[in-house]
Amino acid sequence: MVMKGRYPIRRTLQYLSQGEIVFKSSVKVMTVNYNTHGELSEGARKFVFFSVPQIQYKNPWVQIMMFKNMTPSPFLRFYLDSGEQVLVDVEDKSNKEIVQHVKKILGKKEEVLEMEELEKQKLSHPANFGPKRYCLRKCICEVKDRSPAQPLCLCPKR
């Protein structure tokens, strides 16, 4: 990866995976309306610069759109799959305050995230055998120092 440009560390996998916000599955679109100048949009600018790449990485199903210099006050708007819209005012808020507020109202709870992580670990356990899309190994014969499966290779007669 080329480390050129403004603040290139925010394009690394380590930085992107440190994002705090994982949206609920009902969130489909997020729009960010902010101005590129002025005191009122300072927190929104930092949110776009530092947090939006992490949100995109953690939530690939969410479409994110930016609208610059089209509004007198900055805000976030979320479109849910039920047709509802959630409007979040971010005027005079810092980047951290915006992240915490969005996480509180539209983010998955910590318990749900832990359960999903546990399920993912159960599926990727090396002792599980089955179809390749669900398990790491299809058959025990793929394990080193194990006898091959009968349909693949006949065992010697003794």
N, C-alpha and C. Protein backbone atom coordinates (compact mmCIF):
# COMPACT_ATOMS: atom_id res chain seq x y z
N MET A 1 0.84 -1.17 0.00
CA MET A 1 0.00 0.00 0.00
C MET A 1 0.89 1.24 0.00
N VAL A 2 0.52 2.18 -0.82
CA VAL A 2 1.28 3.42 -0.91
C VAL A 2 0.85 4.34 0.22
N MET A 3 1.82 4.81 0.97
CA MET A 3 1.51 5.69 2.10
C MET A 3 1.70 7.14 1.67
N LYS A 4 0.91 7.58 0.72
CA LYS A 4 0.96 8.95 0.23
C LYS A 4 -0.38 9.61 0.46
N GLY A 5 -0.38 10.92 0.42
CA GLY A 5 -1.61 11.66 0.59
C GLY A 5 -1.80 12.14 2.01
N ARG A 6 -2.99 12.74 2.24
CA ARG A 6 -3.30 13.27 3.56
C ARG A 6 -3.63 12.14 4.51
N TYR A 7 -2.89 12.06 5.58
CA TYR A 7 -3.15 11.12 6.66
C TYR A 7 -3.36 9.70 6.12
N PRO A 8 -2.33 9.09 5.53
CA PRO A 8 -2.51 7.79 4.88
C PRO A 8 -2.79 6.63 5.83
N ILE A 9 -2.57 6.83 7.12
CA ILE A 9 -2.79 5.74 8.07
C ILE A 9 -4.27 5.33 8.11
N ARG A 10 -5.17 6.24 7.74
CA ARG A 10 -6.60 5.91 7.80
C ARG A 10 -7.04 4.98 6.67
N ARG A 11 -6.11 4.61 5.78
CA ARG A 11 -6.42 3.63 4.74
C ARG A 11 -5.85 2.25 5.06
N THR A 12 -5.28 2.07 6.24
CA THR A 12 -4.74 0.77 6.61
C THR A 12 -5.85 -0.10 7.22
N LEU A 13 -5.70 -1.41 7.08
CA LEU A 13 -6.71 -2.33 7.61
C LEU A 13 -6.83 -2.24 9.13
N GLN A 14 -5.72 -2.02 9.78
CA GLN A 14 -5.75 -1.93 11.25
C GLN A 14 -6.61 -0.75 11.68
N TYR A 15 -6.44 0.40 11.03
CA TYR A 15 -7.22 1.59 11.39
C TYR A 15 -8.69 1.38 11.03
N LEU A 16 -8.95 0.82 9.85
CA LEU A 16 -10.34 0.64 9.42
C LEU A 16 -11.09 -0.34 10.32
N SER A 17 -10.41 -1.37 10.79
CA SER A 17 -11.09 -2.36 11.62
C SER A 17 -11.31 -1.89 13.05
N GLN A 18 -10.74 -0.76 13.44
CA GLN A 18 -10.93 -0.23 14.79
C GLN A 18 -12.22 0.59 14.93
N GLY A 19 -13.00 0.67 13.88
CA GLY A 19 -14.23 1.45 13.93
C GLY A 19 -15.20 0.93 14.98
N GLU A 20 -15.91 1.84 15.62
CA GLU A 20 -16.82 1.48 16.71
C GLU A 20 -18.23 1.19 16.22
N ILE A 21 -18.63 1.77 15.11
CA ILE A 21 -20.03 1.72 14.70
C ILE A 21 -20.27 0.56 13.75
N VAL A 22 -21.15 -0.35 14.16
CA VAL A 22 -21.69 -1.39 13.29
C VAL A 22 -23.20 -1.18 13.32
N PHE A 23 -23.76 -0.77 12.19
CA PHE A 23 -25.17 -0.43 12.13
C PHE A 23 -26.06 -1.67 12.22
N LYS A 24 -27.29 -1.43 12.66
CA LYS A 24 -28.30 -2.48 12.61
C LYS A 24 -28.58 -2.79 11.14
N SER A 25 -29.13 -3.96 10.88
CA SER A 25 -29.35 -4.37 9.49
C SER A 25 -30.44 -3.54 8.81
N SER A 26 -31.21 -2.78 9.55
CA SER A 26 -32.27 -1.97 8.95
C SER A 26 -31.76 -0.69 8.30
N VAL A 27 -30.53 -0.28 8.60
CA VAL A 27 -29.97 0.95 8.01
C VAL A 27 -29.48 0.63 6.61
N LYS A 28 -29.97 1.38 5.62
CA LYS A 28 -29.60 1.14 4.23
C LYS A 28 -28.77 2.27 3.63
N VAL A 29 -29.09 3.52 3.97
CA VAL A 29 -28.39 4.68 3.39
C VAL A 29 -28.08 5.67 4.49
N MET A 30 -26.89 6.26 4.42
CA MET A 30 -26.51 7.33 5.34
C MET A 30 -26.06 8.52 4.49
N THR A 31 -26.63 9.68 4.75
CA THR A 31 -26.18 10.89 4.07
C THR A 31 -25.59 11.84 5.10
N VAL A 32 -24.50 12.50 4.71
CA VAL A 32 -23.83 13.46 5.56
C VAL A 32 -23.89 14.81 4.86
N ASN A 33 -24.53 15.77 5.48
CA ASN A 33 -24.63 17.13 4.94
C ASN A 33 -23.79 18.04 5.83
N TYR A 34 -22.79 18.68 5.23
CA TYR A 34 -21.90 19.54 6.01
C TYR A 34 -21.30 20.60 5.10
N ASN A 35 -20.67 21.60 5.72
CA ASN A 35 -19.99 22.67 4.99
C ASN A 35 -18.49 22.49 5.15
N THR A 36 -17.75 22.90 4.13
CA THR A 36 -16.29 22.76 4.18
C THR A 36 -15.62 23.91 4.90
N HIS A 37 -16.38 24.87 5.36
CA HIS A 37 -15.82 26.01 6.10
C HIS A 37 -16.77 26.38 7.23
N GLY A 38 -16.27 27.09 8.20
CA GLY A 38 -17.11 27.54 9.31
C GLY A 38 -16.94 26.70 10.56
N GLU A 39 -17.26 27.34 11.68
CA GLU A 39 -17.10 26.69 12.99
C GLU A 39 -18.16 25.62 13.25
N LEU A 40 -19.36 25.80 12.73
CA LEU A 40 -20.46 24.89 13.05
C LEU A 40 -20.23 23.48 12.49
N SER A 41 -19.50 23.38 11.38
CA SER A 41 -19.30 22.09 10.73
C SER A 41 -17.97 21.43 11.06
N GLU A 42 -17.24 21.94 12.02
CA GLU A 42 -15.92 21.38 12.33
C GLU A 42 -16.00 19.91 12.75
N GLY A 43 -16.93 19.58 13.63
CA GLY A 43 -17.10 18.20 14.06
C GLY A 43 -17.54 17.29 12.92
N ALA A 44 -18.41 17.79 12.06
CA ALA A 44 -18.87 17.00 10.92
C ALA A 44 -17.74 16.75 9.93
N ARG A 45 -16.87 17.74 9.72
CA ARG A 45 -15.72 17.56 8.83
C ARG A 45 -14.78 16.49 9.37
N LYS A 46 -14.51 16.55 10.67
CA LYS A 46 -13.63 15.53 11.28
C LYS A 46 -14.30 14.15 11.25
N PHE A 47 -15.62 14.11 11.43
CA PHE A 47 -16.36 12.86 11.34
C PHE A 47 -16.21 12.25 9.95
N VAL A 48 -16.35 13.08 8.92
CA VAL A 48 -16.20 12.59 7.54
C VAL A 48 -14.78 12.13 7.29
N PHE A 49 -13.80 12.88 7.78
CA PHE A 49 -12.40 12.58 7.50
C PHE A 49 -11.93 11.33 8.24
N PHE A 50 -12.29 11.17 9.50
CA PHE A 50 -11.75 10.08 10.30
C PHE A 50 -12.70 8.89 10.45
N SER A 51 -13.99 9.11 10.60
CA SER A 51 -14.91 8.03 10.97
C SER A 51 -15.65 7.39 9.80
N VAL A 52 -15.91 8.13 8.74
CA VAL A 52 -16.67 7.57 7.62
C VAL A 52 -15.95 6.40 6.95
N PRO A 53 -14.62 6.45 6.75
CA PRO A 53 -13.96 5.26 6.19
C PRO A 53 -14.13 4.01 7.06
N GLN A 54 -14.09 4.18 8.38
CA GLN A 54 -14.29 3.05 9.28
C GLN A 54 -15.72 2.52 9.18
N ILE A 55 -16.68 3.42 9.06
CA ILE A 55 -18.08 3.02 8.92
C ILE A 55 -18.28 2.25 7.62
N GLN A 56 -17.66 2.73 6.53
CA GLN A 56 -17.78 2.03 5.25
C GLN A 56 -17.18 0.63 5.34
N TYR A 57 -16.07 0.49 6.04
CA TYR A 57 -15.41 -0.81 6.16
C TYR A 57 -16.24 -1.78 7.00
N LYS A 58 -16.80 -1.30 8.10
CA LYS A 58 -17.56 -2.16 9.00
C LYS A 58 -18.97 -2.46 8.49
N ASN A 59 -19.51 -1.59 7.62
CA ASN A 59 -20.88 -1.73 7.14
C ASN A 59 -20.91 -1.68 5.61
N PRO A 60 -20.48 -2.73 4.92
CA PRO A 60 -20.41 -2.65 3.46
C PRO A 60 -21.77 -2.59 2.77
N TRP A 61 -22.85 -2.95 3.45
CA TRP A 61 -24.18 -2.91 2.85
C TRP A 61 -24.81 -1.52 2.90
N VAL A 62 -24.20 -0.59 3.62
CA VAL A 62 -24.76 0.76 3.77
C VAL A 62 -24.18 1.67 2.70
N GLN A 63 -25.07 2.36 1.98
CA GLN A 63 -24.63 3.34 1.00
C GLN A 63 -24.42 4.67 1.72
N ILE A 64 -23.27 5.30 1.50
CA ILE A 64 -22.95 6.55 2.18
C ILE A 64 -22.79 7.64 1.14
N MET A 65 -23.50 8.76 1.33
CA MET A 65 -23.44 9.88 0.40
C MET A 65 -23.06 11.14 1.15
N MET A 66 -22.22 11.97 0.54
CA MET A 66 -21.78 13.23 1.14
C MET A 66 -22.37 14.39 0.34
N PHE A 67 -22.87 15.37 1.04
CA PHE A 67 -23.36 16.60 0.42
C PHE A 67 -22.62 17.76 1.05
N LYS A 68 -21.75 18.41 0.27
CA LYS A 68 -20.94 19.51 0.79
C LYS A 68 -21.55 20.85 0.39
N ASN A 69 -21.50 21.78 1.33
CA ASN A 69 -21.89 23.18 1.10
C ASN A 69 -23.29 23.32 0.51
N MET A 70 -24.23 22.51 0.97
CA MET A 70 -25.61 22.60 0.49
C MET A 70 -26.59 22.91 1.61
N THR A 71 -26.10 23.14 2.81
CA THR A 71 -26.98 23.32 3.96
C THR A 71 -26.39 24.35 4.91
N PRO A 72 -27.21 25.12 5.59
CA PRO A 72 -26.66 26.08 6.56
C PRO A 72 -26.16 25.42 7.84
N SER A 73 -26.73 24.28 8.22
CA SER A 73 -26.27 23.60 9.43
C SER A 73 -26.03 22.12 9.10
N PRO A 74 -25.00 21.52 9.68
CA PRO A 74 -24.67 20.13 9.36
C PRO A 74 -25.61 19.13 10.03
N PHE A 75 -25.89 18.04 9.32
CA PHE A 75 -26.73 16.98 9.88
C PHE A 75 -26.45 15.67 9.16
N LEU A 76 -26.85 14.58 9.80
CA LEU A 76 -26.79 13.24 9.22
C LEU A 76 -28.22 12.76 9.04
N ARG A 77 -28.47 12.06 7.94
CA ARG A 77 -29.79 11.48 7.72
C ARG A 77 -29.61 10.01 7.37
N PHE A 78 -30.37 9.17 8.05
CA PHE A 78 -30.31 7.73 7.82
C PHE A 78 -31.64 7.27 7.25
N TYR A 79 -31.58 6.47 6.20
CA TYR A 79 -32.77 5.89 5.59
C TYR A 79 -32.82 4.42 5.97
N LEU A 80 -33.94 4.01 6.57
CA LEU A 80 -34.10 2.64 7.03
C LEU A 80 -34.89 1.84 5.99
N ASP A 81 -34.81 0.52 6.07
CA ASP A 81 -35.50 -0.32 5.09
C ASP A 81 -37.01 -0.26 5.22
N SER A 82 -37.52 0.21 6.34
CA SER A 82 -38.97 0.36 6.52
C SER A 82 -39.50 1.64 5.90
N GLY A 83 -38.62 2.47 5.34
CA GLY A 83 -39.04 3.72 4.73
C GLY A 83 -38.90 4.91 5.66
N GLU A 84 -38.57 4.67 6.91
CA GLU A 84 -38.40 5.76 7.87
C GLU A 84 -37.08 6.48 7.63
N GLN A 85 -37.03 7.73 8.10
CA GLN A 85 -35.80 8.51 8.04
C GLN A 85 -35.46 8.96 9.46
N VAL A 86 -34.18 8.88 9.80
CA VAL A 86 -33.71 9.34 11.10
C VAL A 86 -32.78 10.52 10.84
N LEU A 87 -33.09 11.66 11.44
CA LEU A 87 -32.31 12.87 11.25
C LEU A 87 -31.52 13.15 12.52
N VAL A 88 -30.20 13.35 12.38
CA VAL A 88 -29.33 13.61 13.52
C VAL A 88 -28.66 14.95 13.30
N ASP A 89 -28.88 15.88 14.22
CA ASP A 89 -28.26 17.20 14.14
C ASP A 89 -26.86 17.11 14.73
N VAL A 90 -25.85 17.54 13.97
CA VAL A 90 -24.46 17.46 14.44
C VAL A 90 -23.83 18.85 14.57
N GLU A 91 -24.65 19.87 14.63
CA GLU A 91 -24.13 21.23 14.75
C GLU A 91 -23.45 21.42 16.11
N ASP A 92 -22.26 21.96 16.11
CA ASP A 92 -21.46 22.24 17.32
C ASP A 92 -21.13 20.98 18.12
N LYS A 93 -21.09 19.81 17.48
CA LYS A 93 -20.69 18.58 18.17
C LYS A 93 -19.31 18.17 17.67
N SER A 94 -18.55 17.53 18.55
CA SER A 94 -17.23 17.04 18.14
C SER A 94 -17.38 15.69 17.45
N ASN A 95 -16.30 15.25 16.85
CA ASN A 95 -16.28 13.96 16.17
C ASN A 95 -16.67 12.83 17.12
N LYS A 96 -16.11 12.81 18.31
CA LYS A 96 -16.39 11.75 19.29
C LYS A 96 -17.86 11.76 19.72
N GLU A 97 -18.41 12.96 19.93
CA GLU A 97 -19.82 13.06 20.32
C GLU A 97 -20.73 12.52 19.23
N ILE A 98 -20.40 12.82 17.97
CA ILE A 98 -21.21 12.34 16.85
C ILE A 98 -21.16 10.81 16.79
N VAL A 99 -19.96 10.26 16.91
CA VAL A 99 -19.80 8.80 16.85
C VAL A 99 -20.58 8.13 17.98
N GLN A 100 -20.47 8.64 19.20
CA GLN A 100 -21.18 8.04 20.33
C GLN A 100 -22.69 8.14 20.16
N HIS A 101 -23.18 9.27 19.66
CA HIS A 101 -24.62 9.46 19.49
C HIS A 101 -25.17 8.51 18.42
N VAL A 102 -24.47 8.42 17.29
CA VAL A 102 -24.92 7.54 16.21
C VAL A 102 -24.86 6.08 16.65
N LYS A 103 -23.81 5.73 17.38
CA LYS A 103 -23.68 4.36 17.88
C LYS A 103 -24.82 4.02 18.83
N LYS A 104 -25.22 4.99 19.64
CA LYS A 104 -26.27 4.75 20.63
C LYS A 104 -27.63 4.56 19.96
N ILE A 105 -27.94 5.34 18.92
CA ILE A 105 -29.28 5.27 18.36
C ILE A 105 -29.43 4.24 17.24
N LEU A 106 -28.37 4.00 16.44
CA LEU A 106 -28.51 3.10 15.30
C LEU A 106 -27.50 1.95 15.28
N GLY A 107 -26.61 1.90 16.25
CA GLY A 107 -25.61 0.83 16.27
C GLY A 107 -26.12 -0.42 16.95
N LYS A 108 -25.51 -1.54 16.61
CA LYS A 108 -25.85 -2.79 17.28
C LYS A 108 -25.31 -2.75 18.71
N LYS A 109 -26.01 -3.40 19.59
CA LYS A 109 -25.60 -3.46 21.00
C LYS A 109 -24.37 -4.36 21.14
N GLU A 110 -23.63 -4.16 22.23
CA GLU A 110 -22.40 -4.92 22.47
C GLU A 110 -22.69 -6.42 22.60
N GLU A 111 -23.82 -6.77 23.23
CA GLU A 111 -24.16 -8.18 23.40
C GLU A 111 -24.37 -8.86 22.05
N VAL A 112 -25.04 -8.16 21.13
CA VAL A 112 -25.30 -8.71 19.80
C VAL A 112 -23.99 -8.91 19.05
N LEU A 113 -23.10 -7.93 19.14
CA LEU A 113 -21.81 -8.03 18.46
C LEU A 113 -20.99 -9.20 19.01
N GLU A 114 -21.02 -9.38 20.32
CA GLU A 114 -20.30 -10.51 20.93
C GLU A 114 -20.88 -11.85 20.49
N MET A 115 -22.21 -11.94 20.40
CA MET A 115 -22.84 -13.18 19.96
C MET A 115 -22.47 -13.49 18.51
N GLU A 116 -22.47 -12.46 17.65
CA GLU A 116 -22.10 -12.67 16.25
C GLU A 116 -20.65 -13.11 16.12
N GLU A 117 -19.77 -12.52 16.91
CA GLU A 117 -18.36 -12.91 16.89
C GLU A 117 -18.19 -14.35 17.36
N LEU A 118 -18.94 -14.74 18.37
CA LEU A 118 -18.88 -16.12 18.87
C LEU A 118 -19.37 -17.11 17.82
N GLU A 119 -20.45 -16.76 17.12
CA GLU A 119 -20.96 -17.62 16.05
C GLU A 119 -19.94 -17.76 14.93
N LYS A 120 -19.28 -16.67 14.59
CA LYS A 120 -18.26 -16.71 13.55
C LYS A 120 -17.10 -17.60 13.96
N GLN A 121 -16.71 -17.54 15.23
CA GLN A 121 -15.63 -18.38 15.72
C GLN A 121 -16.03 -19.85 15.73
N LYS A 122 -17.28 -20.13 16.06
CA LYS A 122 -17.74 -21.52 16.06
C LYS A 122 -17.68 -22.11 14.66
N LEU A 123 -18.07 -21.32 13.67
CA LEU A 123 -18.08 -21.81 12.30
C LEU A 123 -16.67 -22.01 11.75
N SER A 124 -15.73 -21.19 12.18
CA SER A 124 -14.38 -21.29 11.63
C SER A 124 -13.46 -22.15 12.48
N HIS A 125 -14.00 -22.92 13.39
CA HIS A 125 -13.17 -23.79 14.23
C HIS A 125 -12.57 -24.90 13.37
N PRO A 126 -11.26 -25.18 13.51
CA PRO A 126 -10.61 -26.16 12.63
C PRO A 126 -11.08 -27.59 12.82
N ALA A 127 -11.77 -27.89 13.90
CA ALA A 127 -12.26 -29.26 14.11
C ALA A 127 -13.57 -29.53 13.40
N ASN A 128 -14.19 -28.51 12.83
CA ASN A 128 -15.45 -28.70 12.12
C ASN A 128 -15.19 -29.17 10.70
N PHE A 129 -15.98 -30.12 10.23
CA PHE A 129 -15.88 -30.64 8.87
C PHE A 129 -17.22 -30.48 8.20
N GLY A 130 -17.20 -30.20 6.90
CA GLY A 130 -18.43 -30.06 6.16
C GLY A 130 -18.18 -29.32 4.86
N PRO A 131 -19.23 -28.80 4.24
CA PRO A 131 -19.06 -28.06 2.99
C PRO A 131 -18.13 -26.86 3.17
N LYS A 132 -17.39 -26.54 2.11
CA LYS A 132 -16.35 -25.50 2.19
C LYS A 132 -16.91 -24.13 2.56
N ARG A 133 -18.15 -23.83 2.21
CA ARG A 133 -18.66 -22.50 2.53
C ARG A 133 -18.97 -22.32 4.01
N TYR A 134 -19.10 -23.45 4.73
CA TYR A 134 -19.41 -23.37 6.15
C TYR A 134 -18.22 -23.71 7.04
N CYS A 135 -17.33 -24.57 6.59
CA CYS A 135 -16.24 -25.07 7.43
C CYS A 135 -14.91 -24.92 6.70
N LEU A 136 -13.83 -25.00 7.46
CA LEU A 136 -12.51 -24.88 6.87
C LEU A 136 -12.10 -26.12 6.09
N ARG A 137 -12.55 -27.29 6.51
CA ARG A 137 -12.17 -28.55 5.87
C ARG A 137 -13.41 -29.33 5.46
N LYS A 138 -13.30 -29.98 4.30
CA LYS A 138 -14.43 -30.76 3.83
C LYS A 138 -14.41 -32.17 4.42
N CYS A 139 -13.20 -32.69 4.63
CA CYS A 139 -13.07 -34.07 5.09
C CYS A 139 -11.88 -34.17 6.04
N ILE A 140 -11.89 -35.18 6.89
CA ILE A 140 -10.78 -35.35 7.83
C ILE A 140 -9.50 -35.78 7.11
N CYS A 141 -9.62 -36.28 5.90
CA CYS A 141 -8.43 -36.70 5.18
C CYS A 141 -7.56 -35.50 4.77
N GLU A 142 -8.09 -34.29 4.86
CA GLU A 142 -7.31 -33.10 4.54
C GLU A 142 -6.36 -32.73 5.67
N VAL A 143 -6.52 -33.33 6.84
CA VAL A 143 -5.65 -33.07 7.98
C VAL A 143 -4.37 -33.88 7.80
N LYS A 144 -3.24 -33.26 8.10
CA LYS A 144 -1.95 -33.92 7.94
C LYS A 144 -1.87 -35.15 8.85
N ASP A 145 -1.25 -36.22 8.35
CA ASP A 145 -1.03 -37.48 9.06
C ASP A 145 -2.32 -38.25 9.35
N ARG A 146 -3.33 -38.06 8.56
CA ARG A 146 -4.58 -38.83 8.69
C ARG A 146 -4.72 -39.72 7.46
N SER A 147 -5.36 -40.85 7.62
CA SER A 147 -5.55 -41.73 6.48
C SER A 147 -6.59 -41.11 5.54
N PRO A 148 -6.41 -41.32 4.23
CA PRO A 148 -7.34 -40.70 3.28
C PRO A 148 -8.72 -41.32 3.35
N ALA A 149 -9.68 -40.61 2.84
CA ALA A 149 -11.06 -41.10 2.82
C ALA A 149 -11.17 -42.27 1.84
N GLN A 150 -12.06 -43.20 2.11
CA GLN A 150 -12.20 -44.41 1.30
C GLN A 150 -12.54 -44.12 -0.16
N PRO A 151 -13.42 -43.20 -0.47
CA PRO A 151 -13.73 -42.98 -1.89
C PRO A 151 -12.55 -42.40 -2.67
N LEU A 152 -11.64 -41.73 -2.01
CA LEU A 152 -10.53 -41.09 -2.71
C LEU A 152 -9.38 -42.05 -2.96
N CYS A 153 -9.09 -42.90 -2.02
CA CYS A 153 -7.93 -43.79 -2.12
C CYS A 153 -8.22 -45.06 -1.32
N LEU A 154 -8.02 -46.19 -1.93
CA LEU A 154 -8.27 -47.45 -1.23
C LEU A 154 -7.15 -47.73 -0.23
N CYS A 155 -7.52 -48.22 0.92
CA CYS A 155 -6.54 -48.58 1.93
C CYS A 155 -5.89 -49.92 1.55
N PRO A 156 -4.64 -50.12 1.89
CA PRO A 156 -3.98 -51.40 1.55
C PRO A 156 -4.59 -52.56 2.34
N LYS A 157 -4.68 -53.73 1.69
CA LYS A 157 -5.23 -54.91 2.35
C LYS A 157 -4.13 -55.57 3.16
N ARG A 158 -4.43 -56.06 4.34
CA ARG A 158 -3.43 -56.69 5.21
C ARG A 158 -3.74 -58.13 5.39
